[in-house]
Protein backbone atom coordinates (compact mmCIF):
# COMPACT_ATOMS: atom_id res chain seq x y z
CA MET A 1 41.82 -106.18 10.45
CA ALA A 2 39.60 -108.22 10.74
CA GLN A 3 40.79 -110.79 8.02
CA ILE A 4 44.45 -110.97 9.94
CA MET A 5 42.98 -111.86 12.71
CA VAL A 6 40.12 -114.10 12.29
CA ILE A 7 43.41 -116.02 9.83
CA LEU A 8 44.78 -116.09 13.57
CA ASN A 9 41.74 -117.06 15.78
CA GLU A 10 41.01 -119.71 13.49
CA ASP A 11 40.75 -122.33 16.74
CA GLY A 12 39.41 -120.29 18.54
CA LEU A 13 42.22 -120.15 21.58
CA LEU A 14 41.63 -116.14 21.12
CA LYS A 15 38.67 -114.05 23.26
CA PRO A 16 37.83 -111.01 21.64
CA GLY A 17 37.68 -108.75 24.87
CA GLY A 18 40.47 -111.17 26.54
CA PRO A 19 44.12 -109.77 26.98
CA VAL A 20 45.26 -111.53 25.10
CA TYR A 21 43.37 -111.01 22.07
CA LYS A 22 44.26 -107.16 23.03
CA ILE A 23 47.39 -108.02 23.07
CA VAL A 24 47.43 -109.95 19.21
CA ARG A 25 45.02 -106.99 18.09
CA GLU A 26 47.93 -103.74 19.42
CA SER A 27 50.45 -106.12 17.33
CA VAL A 28 48.28 -106.15 14.42
CA SER A 29 47.89 -102.91 14.08
CA ASP A 30 51.81 -102.42 14.80
CA ARG A 31 52.35 -104.43 12.29
CA ILE A 32 49.63 -102.70 10.25
CA ASP A 33 50.67 -99.42 10.21
CA ARG A 34 55.00 -100.46 9.68
CA LEU A 35 54.00 -102.04 6.45
CA GLY A 36 50.38 -101.43 4.89
CA PRO A 37 47.29 -103.37 5.13
CA ASP A 38 48.07 -105.58 2.66
CA ALA A 39 51.36 -106.28 2.97
CA ALA A 40 50.52 -107.36 6.52
CA LEU A 41 47.82 -109.42 5.66
CA LEU A 42 50.35 -111.64 2.84
CA ASN A 43 53.29 -111.69 6.51
CA VAL A 44 50.55 -112.55 8.74
CA ILE A 45 49.99 -115.49 5.58
CA ASP A 46 53.05 -116.28 5.49
CA ARG A 47 54.05 -116.47 9.05
CA LYS A 48 50.89 -118.08 10.77
CA PRO A 49 52.64 -120.85 12.18
CA GLN A 50 55.34 -119.99 13.68
CA ILE A 51 52.80 -116.32 14.99
CA ARG A 52 49.68 -119.25 16.41
CA ASP A 53 53.03 -120.66 18.02
CA GLN A 54 53.35 -117.25 19.67
CA ILE A 55 49.73 -116.67 20.85
CA LYS A 56 49.76 -120.39 22.25
CA VAL A 57 53.02 -119.42 24.78
CA LEU A 58 51.48 -115.72 25.01
CA ALA A 59 47.98 -117.66 26.07
CA MET A 60 49.25 -120.03 28.62
CA TRP A 61 51.54 -117.00 30.23
CA HIS A 62 49.40 -114.87 31.59
CA LYS A 63 46.66 -117.98 32.41
CA LYS A 64 50.35 -119.50 34.89
CA ILE A 65 50.92 -115.94 36.23
CA LYS A 66 49.45 -112.88 34.23
CA LEU A 67 52.24 -111.35 32.73
CA LYS A 68 51.67 -109.01 29.66
CA PRO A 69 54.68 -110.26 27.40
CA THR A 70 54.39 -108.47 23.80
CA ILE A 71 54.09 -110.69 20.46
CA GLU A 72 56.75 -110.44 17.87
CA PHE A 73 55.92 -111.85 14.35
């Protein structure tokens, strides 16, 4: 979990404890539960640009209109 969160938060967009951070952490946790930790890490590394784009959109949505959509990767 920690390795994946570090990879996804290279630019500091995710603030620990913040609502977007919690949504991303929950999505990562679900991915780990489904794939296992090693496969989830490889999946995130492989899809990193797409996931980070989704996180940016999620952060914008939350900032503008306080929506809490999910992140899918």
